């Protein structure tokens, strides 16, 4: 009996492991912000790891990198100072997706609910880094400057993906409420909404 139970558990775990898939995604995106001087669509490349949670439900963990020739122009506040920022769009997105699968006329469709960290990077050559300054005269303070800044916020996304074999086509809309965390740092309505279209490949 113990041996049979062991075989059943092993088979279940092995089946789950076989269902795990790496997913490579590539595509285009468009973010909307009034702080952009030019608003051009960008490209994205990502990788995700899917694991079954229950029947027709899967969890994907991963992220993507986004690059656009759009130009931001805004005032950035830090350490009591205001800096004029002009930068291209560089975004790193890391997080999780809950995938719910259903069928319509034998077509497999996935509903995507995403929660992730959206990080936008820009040059910060003249922006001071956060640091503690000790007043002890016997202590040497080392000053560093990494010449870059980043802003992070939660991203909430909803989308659909349709599969044909190991190739999937997807669309997704997301909100990135930077204003909730950076009310005095960046302008109002900074990078609030984005949309993307992707091609996914299961490996």
C-alpha atoms as a PDB file:
ATOM      1  CA  UNK A   1       0.000   0.000   0.000  1.00  0.00           C
ATOM      2  CA  UNK A   2       2.826   2.409   0.892  1.00  0.00           C
ATOM      3  CA  UNK A   3       4.553   1.559  -2.369  1.00  0.00           C
ATOM      4  CA  UNK A   4       1.373   2.283  -4.358  1.00  0.00           C
ATOM      5  CA  UNK A   5       0.923   5.599  -2.539  1.00  0.00           C
ATOM      6  CA  UNK A   6       4.534   6.491  -3.274  1.00  0.00           C
ATOM      7  CA  UNK A   7       4.013   5.761  -6.988  1.00  0.00           C
ATOM      8  CA  UNK A   8       0.852   7.904  -7.091  1.00  0.00           C
ATOM      9  CA  UNK A   9       2.570  10.860  -5.392  1.00  0.00           C
ATOM     10  CA  UNK A  10       5.647  10.532  -7.615  1.00  0.00           C
ATOM     11  CA  UNK A  11       3.510  10.377 -10.741  1.00  0.00           C
ATOM     12  CA  UNK A  12       1.610  13.483  -9.659  1.00  0.00           C
ATOM     13  CA  UNK A  13       4.806  15.442  -8.965  1.00  0.00           C
ATOM     14  CA  UNK A  14       6.384  14.316 -12.217  1.00  0.00           C
ATOM     15  CA  UNK A  15       3.261  15.310 -14.160  1.00  0.00           C
ATOM     16  CA  UNK A  16       3.365  18.751 -12.590  1.00  0.00           C
ATOM     17  CA  UNK A  17       7.042  19.101 -13.427  1.00  0.00           C
ATOM     18  CA  UNK A  18       6.405  18.125 -17.053  1.00  0.00           C
ATOM     19  CA  UNK A  19       3.712  20.790 -17.311  1.00  0.00           C
ATOM     20  CA  UNK A  20       6.133  23.522 -16.313  1.00  0.00           C
ATOM     21  CA  UNK A  21       7.174  25.587 -19.295  1.00  0.00           C
ATOM     22  CA  UNK A  22       9.619  28.326 -20.098  1.00  0.00           C
ATOM     23  CA  UNK A  23       7.987  31.044 -22.174  1.00  0.00           C
ATOM     24  CA  UNK A  24       9.926  33.543 -24.269  1.00  0.00           C
ATOM     25  CA  UNK A  25       7.970  36.644 -25.237  1.00  0.00           C
ATOM     26  CA  UNK A  26       8.757  39.450 -27.660  1.00  0.00           C
ATOM     27  CA  UNK A  27       6.673  42.268 -28.984  1.00  0.00           C
ATOM     28  CA  UNK A  28       5.869  45.927 -28.867  1.00  0.00           C
ATOM     29  CA  UNK A  29       4.487  48.313 -26.282  1.00  0.00           C
ATOM     30  CA  UNK A  30       3.253  51.857 -25.966  1.00  0.00           C
ATOM     31  CA  UNK A  31       3.178  53.857 -22.742  1.00  0.00           C
ATOM     32  CA  UNK A  32       1.239  57.068 -22.459  1.00  0.00           C
ATOM     33  CA  UNK A  33       2.511  60.075 -20.517  1.00  0.00           C
ATOM     34  CA  UNK A  34       2.106  63.785 -21.068  1.00  0.00           C
ATOM     35  CA  UNK A  35       5.753  64.236 -20.013  1.00  0.00           C
ATOM     36  CA  UNK A  36       6.944  62.764 -23.332  1.00  0.00           C
ATOM     37  CA  UNK A  37       8.266  65.111 -25.986  1.00  0.00           C
ATOM     38  CA  UNK A  38       7.981  62.288 -28.501  1.00  0.00           C
ATOM     39  CA  UNK A  39       5.841  59.196 -27.997  1.00  0.00           C
ATOM     40  CA  UNK A  40       7.121  56.274 -30.054  1.00  0.00           C
ATOM     41  CA  UNK A  41       6.213  52.575 -29.720  1.00  0.00           C
ATOM     42  CA  UNK A  42       8.948  50.436 -28.214  1.00  0.00           C
ATOM     43  CA  UNK A  43      10.095  46.814 -28.181  1.00  0.00           C
ATOM     44  CA  UNK A  44      10.127  44.318 -25.327  1.00  0.00           C
ATOM     45  CA  UNK A  45      11.803  40.982 -24.650  1.00  0.00           C
ATOM     46  CA  UNK A  46      10.961  38.766 -21.703  1.00  0.00           C
ATOM     47  CA  UNK A  47      11.121  35.313 -20.164  1.00  0.00           C
ATOM     48  CA  UNK A  48       8.600  33.609 -17.874  1.00  0.00           C
ATOM     49  CA  UNK A  49       8.389  30.276 -16.050  1.00  0.00           C
ATOM     50  CA  UNK A  50       4.945  28.706 -15.796  1.00  0.00           C
ATOM     51  CA  UNK A  51       3.809  26.266 -13.103  1.00  0.00           C
ATOM     52  CA  UNK A  52       0.343  24.692 -12.672  1.00  0.00           C
ATOM     53  CA  UNK A  53      -1.656  25.761  -9.613  1.00  0.00           C
ATOM     54  CA  UNK A  54      -4.874  23.839 -10.199  1.00  0.00           C
ATOM     55  CA  UNK A  55      -6.896  22.688 -13.186  1.00  0.00           C
ATOM     56  CA  UNK A  56      -6.887  25.393 -15.882  1.00  0.00           C
ATOM     57  CA  UNK A  57      -4.950  27.786 -13.631  1.00  0.00           C
ATOM     58  CA  UNK A  58      -1.225  28.500 -13.926  1.00  0.00           C
ATOM     59  CA  UNK A  59       1.267  30.833 -12.249  1.00  0.00           C
ATOM     60  CA  UNK A  60       3.990  32.497 -14.300  1.00  0.00           C
ATOM     61  CA  UNK A  61       7.041  34.179 -12.759  1.00  0.00           C
ATOM     62  CA  UNK A  62       9.456  36.299 -14.754  1.00  0.00           C
ATOM     63  CA  UNK A  63       9.834  39.653 -16.391  1.00  0.00           C
ATOM     64  CA  UNK A  64      10.722  41.671 -19.451  1.00  0.00           C
ATOM     65  CA  UNK A  65      12.913  44.552 -20.526  1.00  0.00           C
ATOM     66  CA  UNK A  66      11.439  47.403 -22.563  1.00  0.00           C
ATOM     67  CA  UNK A  67      13.185  49.941 -24.732  1.00  0.00           C
ATOM     68  CA  UNK A  68      11.724  52.875 -26.630  1.00  0.00           C
ATOM     69  CA  UNK A  69      13.079  55.888 -28.503  1.00  0.00           C
ATOM     70  CA  UNK A  70      10.421  58.038 -26.833  1.00  0.00           C
ATOM     71  CA  UNK A  71      11.884  61.050 -25.055  1.00  0.00           C
ATOM     72  CA  UNK A  72      10.779  62.054 -21.569  1.00  0.00           C
ATOM     73  CA  UNK A  73      11.110  65.630 -20.392  1.00  0.00           C
ATOM     74  CA  UNK A  74      10.072  66.300 -16.812  1.00  0.00           C
ATOM     75  CA  UNK A  75      11.151  67.856 -13.537  1.00  0.00           C
ATOM     76  CA  UNK A  76      12.479  65.387 -10.960  1.00  0.00           C
ATOM     77  CA  UNK A  77      12.678  66.362  -7.307  1.00  0.00           C
ATOM     78  CA  UNK A  78      15.188  64.886  -4.880  1.00  0.00           C
ATOM     79  CA  UNK A  79      16.988  66.034  -1.739  1.00  0.00           C
ATOM     80  CA  UNK A  80      15.161  69.360  -1.816  1.00  0.00           C
ATOM     81  CA  UNK A  81      16.359  70.117  -5.346  1.00  0.00           C
ATOM     82  CA  UNK A  82      14.638  70.063  -8.743  1.00  0.00           C
ATOM     83  CA  UNK A  83      16.357  68.595 -11.805  1.00  0.00           C
ATOM     84  CA  UNK A  84      15.380  68.835 -15.478  1.00  0.00           C
ATOM     85  CA  UNK A  85      15.353  65.298 -16.882  1.00  0.00           C
ATOM     86  CA  UNK A  86      15.475  64.397 -20.563  1.00  0.00           C
ATOM     87  CA  UNK A  87      15.838  60.680 -21.235  1.00  0.00           C
ATOM     88  CA  UNK A  88      14.896  57.763 -23.458  1.00  0.00           C
ATOM     89  CA  UNK A  89      12.577  55.049 -22.145  1.00  0.00           C
ATOM     90  CA  UNK A  90      14.252  52.103 -20.368  1.00  0.00           C
ATOM     91  CA  UNK A  91      11.944  49.883 -18.302  1.00  0.00           C
ATOM     92  CA  UNK A  92      12.525  46.638 -16.359  1.00  0.00           C
ATOM     93  CA  UNK A  93       9.410  44.760 -15.326  1.00  0.00           C
ATOM     94  CA  UNK A  94       9.570  41.829 -12.830  1.00  0.00           C
ATOM     95  CA  UNK A  95       6.653  39.999 -11.262  1.00  0.00           C
ATOM     96  CA  UNK A  96       3.972  37.316 -11.433  1.00  0.00           C
ATOM     97  CA  UNK A  97       1.016  36.447 -13.624  1.00  0.00           C
ATOM     98  CA  UNK A  98      -2.006  34.334 -12.778  1.00  0.00           C
ATOM     99  CA  UNK A  99      -3.250  32.591 -15.918  1.00  0.00           C
ATOM    100  CA  UNK A 100      -6.812  31.289 -16.208  1.00  0.00           C
ATOM    101  CA  UNK A 101      -7.425  29.039 -19.218  1.00  0.00           C
ATOM    102  CA  UNK A 102     -10.770  28.514 -20.946  1.00  0.00           C
ATOM    103  CA  UNK A 103     -11.993  27.375 -24.359  1.00  0.00           C
ATOM    104  CA  UNK A 104     -14.303  28.872 -26.958  1.00  0.00           C
ATOM    105  CA  UNK A 105     -15.145  26.523 -29.835  1.00  0.00           C
ATOM    106  CA  UNK A 106     -12.031  24.403 -29.190  1.00  0.00           C
ATOM    107  CA  UNK A 107      -9.810  27.503 -29.163  1.00  0.00           C
ATOM    108  CA  UNK A 108      -7.649  27.721 -26.052  1.00  0.00           C
ATOM    109  CA  UNK A 109      -7.698  31.231 -24.594  1.00  0.00           C
ATOM    110  CA  UNK A 110      -5.906  32.535 -21.498  1.00  0.00           C
ATOM    111  CA  UNK A 111      -6.949  35.411 -19.273  1.00  0.00           C
ATOM    112  CA  UNK A 112      -3.867  37.094 -17.781  1.00  0.00           C
ATOM    113  CA  UNK A 113      -3.836  38.958 -14.466  1.00  0.00           C
ATOM    114  CA  UNK A 114      -0.426  40.489 -13.752  1.00  0.00           C
ATOM    115  CA  UNK A 115       1.096  42.053 -10.655  1.00  0.00           C
ATOM    116  CA  UNK A 116       4.674  43.226 -11.048  1.00  0.00           C
ATOM    117  CA  UNK A 117       7.271  45.863 -10.233  1.00  0.00           C
ATOM    118  CA  UNK A 118       7.727  48.405 -13.009  1.00  0.00           C
ATOM    119  CA  UNK A 119      11.125  50.144 -12.936  1.00  0.00           C
ATOM    120  CA  UNK A 120      11.984  53.055 -15.197  1.00  0.00           C
ATOM    121  CA  UNK A 121      15.646  54.114 -15.468  1.00  0.00           C
ATOM    122  CA  UNK A 122      17.138  57.433 -16.505  1.00  0.00           C
ATOM    123  CA  UNK A 123      20.459  59.243 -16.340  1.00  0.00           C
ATOM    124  CA  UNK A 124      21.311  60.954 -13.065  1.00  0.00           C
ATOM    125  CA  UNK A 125      24.811  62.340 -13.529  1.00  0.00           C
ATOM    126  CA  UNK A 126      24.078  65.584 -11.701  1.00  0.00           C
ATOM    127  CA  UNK A 127      21.657  64.095  -9.157  1.00  0.00           C
ATOM    128  CA  UNK A 128      23.106  63.366  -5.691  1.00  0.00           C
ATOM    129  CA  UNK A 129      22.811  59.859  -4.287  1.00  0.00           C
ATOM    130  CA  UNK A 130      21.090  59.169  -0.980  1.00  0.00           C
ATOM    131  CA  UNK A 131      23.750  58.834   1.714  1.00  0.00           C
ATOM    132  CA  UNK A 132      24.361  59.342   5.407  1.00  0.00           C
ATOM    133  CA  UNK A 133      26.931  61.970   6.315  1.00  0.00           C
ATOM    134  CA  UNK A 134      28.671  61.398   9.643  1.00  0.00           C
ATOM    135  CA  UNK A 135      29.802  64.399  11.667  1.00  0.00           C
ATOM    136  CA  UNK A 136      32.590  62.494  13.428  1.00  0.00           C
ATOM    137  CA  UNK A 137      35.832  64.249  12.438  1.00  0.00           C
ATOM    138  CA  UNK A 138      37.825  61.009  12.773  1.00  0.00           C
ATOM    139  CA  UNK A 139      35.670  59.174  10.241  1.00  0.00           C
ATOM    140  CA  UNK A 140      36.360  59.235   6.521  1.00  0.00           C
ATOM    141  CA  UNK A 141      33.225  59.520   4.357  1.00  0.00           C
ATOM    142  CA  UNK A 142      33.361  57.941   0.897  1.00  0.00           C
ATOM    143  CA  UNK A 143      31.107  59.707  -1.638  1.00  0.00           C
ATOM    144  CA  UNK A 144      29.792  57.699  -4.599  1.00  0.00           C
ATOM    145  CA  UNK A 145      27.612  58.552  -7.576  1.00  0.00           C
ATOM    146  CA  UNK A 146      26.248  55.888  -9.928  1.00  0.00           C
ATOM    147  CA  UNK A 147      25.129  58.373 -12.631  1.00  0.00           C
ATOM    148  CA  UNK A 148      21.673  56.773 -12.860  1.00  0.00           C
ATOM    149  CA  UNK A 149      18.285  56.963 -11.180  1.00  0.00           C
ATOM    150  CA  UNK A 150      15.282  54.689 -11.194  1.00  0.00           C
ATOM    151  CA  UNK A 151      11.648  54.902 -10.165  1.00  0.00           C
ATOM    152  CA  UNK A 152       9.685  51.799  -9.158  1.00  0.00           C
ATOM    153  CA  UNK A 153       5.992  51.176  -8.750  1.00  0.00           C
ATOM    154  CA  UNK A 154       3.506  48.323  -8.869  1.00  0.00           C
ATOM    155  CA  UNK A 155       2.046  47.457 -12.240  1.00  0.00           C
ATOM    156  CA  UNK A 156      -1.451  46.004 -12.547  1.00  0.00           C
ATOM    157  CA  UNK A 157      -2.250  44.373 -15.892  1.00  0.00           C
ATOM    158  CA  UNK A 158      -5.074  42.475 -17.575  1.00  0.00           C
ATOM    159  CA  UNK A 159      -4.861  40.729 -20.920  1.00  0.00           C
ATOM    160  CA  UNK A 160      -5.667  37.846 -23.237  1.00  0.00           C
ATOM    161  CA  UNK A 161      -3.478  35.276 -24.958  1.00  0.00           C
ATOM    162  CA  UNK A 162      -4.402  32.769 -27.678  1.00  0.00           C
ATOM    163  CA  UNK A 163      -2.265  29.709 -28.411  1.00  0.00           C
ATOM    164  CA  UNK A 164      -1.748  27.729 -31.599  1.00  0.00           C
ATOM    165  CA  UNK A 165       0.563  24.903 -30.688  1.00  0.00           C
ATOM    166  CA  UNK A 166       3.574  26.436 -28.938  1.00  0.00           C
ATOM    167  CA  UNK A 167       3.030  29.925 -30.400  1.00  0.00           C
ATOM    168  CA  UNK A 168       0.873  32.435 -28.552  1.00  0.00           C
ATOM    169  CA  UNK A 169      -0.449  35.878 -29.459  1.00  0.00           C
ATOM    170  CA  UNK A 170      -1.281  38.231 -26.613  1.00  0.00           C
ATOM    171  CA  UNK A 171      -2.507  41.711 -25.759  1.00  0.00           C
ATOM    172  CA  UNK A 172      -2.421  43.407 -22.366  1.00  0.00           C
ATOM    173  CA  UNK A 173      -3.245  46.768 -20.822  1.00  0.00           C
ATOM    174  CA  UNK A 174      -1.607  47.956 -17.595  1.00  0.00           C
ATOM    175  CA  UNK A 175      -1.689  50.805 -15.122  1.00  0.00           C
ATOM    176  CA  UNK A 176       1.457  51.991 -13.311  1.00  0.00           C
ATOM    177  CA  UNK A 177       0.466  54.494 -10.600  1.00  0.00           C
ATOM    178  CA  UNK A 178       3.812  56.198  -9.976  1.00  0.00           C
ATOM    179  CA  UNK A 179       1.951  59.088  -8.363  1.00  0.00           C
ATOM    180  CA  UNK A 180       0.954  56.952  -5.367  1.00  0.00           C
ATOM    181  CA  UNK A 181       4.593  56.552  -4.291  1.00  0.00           C
ATOM    182  CA  UNK A 182       6.187  59.678  -5.782  1.00  0.00           C
ATOM    183  CA  UNK A 183       3.657  62.442  -5.157  1.00  0.00           C
ATOM    184  CA  UNK A 184       6.351  65.109  -4.752  1.00  0.00           C
ATOM    185  CA  UNK A 185       9.058  63.506  -6.905  1.00  0.00           C
ATOM    186  CA  UNK A 186       7.547  63.250 -10.381  1.00  0.00           C
ATOM    187  CA  UNK A 187       4.736  65.189 -12.124  1.00  0.00           C
ATOM    188  CA  UNK A 188       1.099  64.173 -11.818  1.00  0.00           C
ATOM    189  CA  UNK A 189      -0.090  61.476 -14.258  1.00  0.00           C
ATOM    190  CA  UNK A 190       3.489  60.235 -14.809  1.00  0.00           C
ATOM    191  CA  UNK A 191       3.510  57.069 -16.974  1.00  0.00           C
ATOM    192  CA  UNK A 192       0.095  55.909 -15.765  1.00  0.00           C
ATOM    193  CA  UNK A 193      -1.052  53.665 -18.627  1.00  0.00           C
ATOM    194  CA  UNK A 194       0.556  51.290 -21.129  1.00  0.00           C
ATOM    195  CA  UNK A 195      -0.508  48.693 -23.691  1.00  0.00           C
ATOM    196  CA  UNK A 196       1.398  45.847 -25.325  1.00  0.00           C
ATOM    197  CA  UNK A 197       1.096  43.168 -27.986  1.00  0.00           C
ATOM    198  CA  UNK A 198       3.330  40.102 -27.835  1.00  0.00           C
ATOM    199  CA  UNK A 199       4.286  36.845 -29.460  1.00  0.00           C
ATOM    200  CA  UNK A 200       5.075  34.051 -26.995  1.00  0.00           C
ATOM    201  CA  UNK A 201       6.986  30.833 -27.610  1.00  0.00           C
ATOM    202  CA  UNK A 202       6.853  27.825 -25.272  1.00  0.00           C
ATOM    203  CA  UNK A 203      10.163  26.008 -24.843  1.00  0.00           C
END
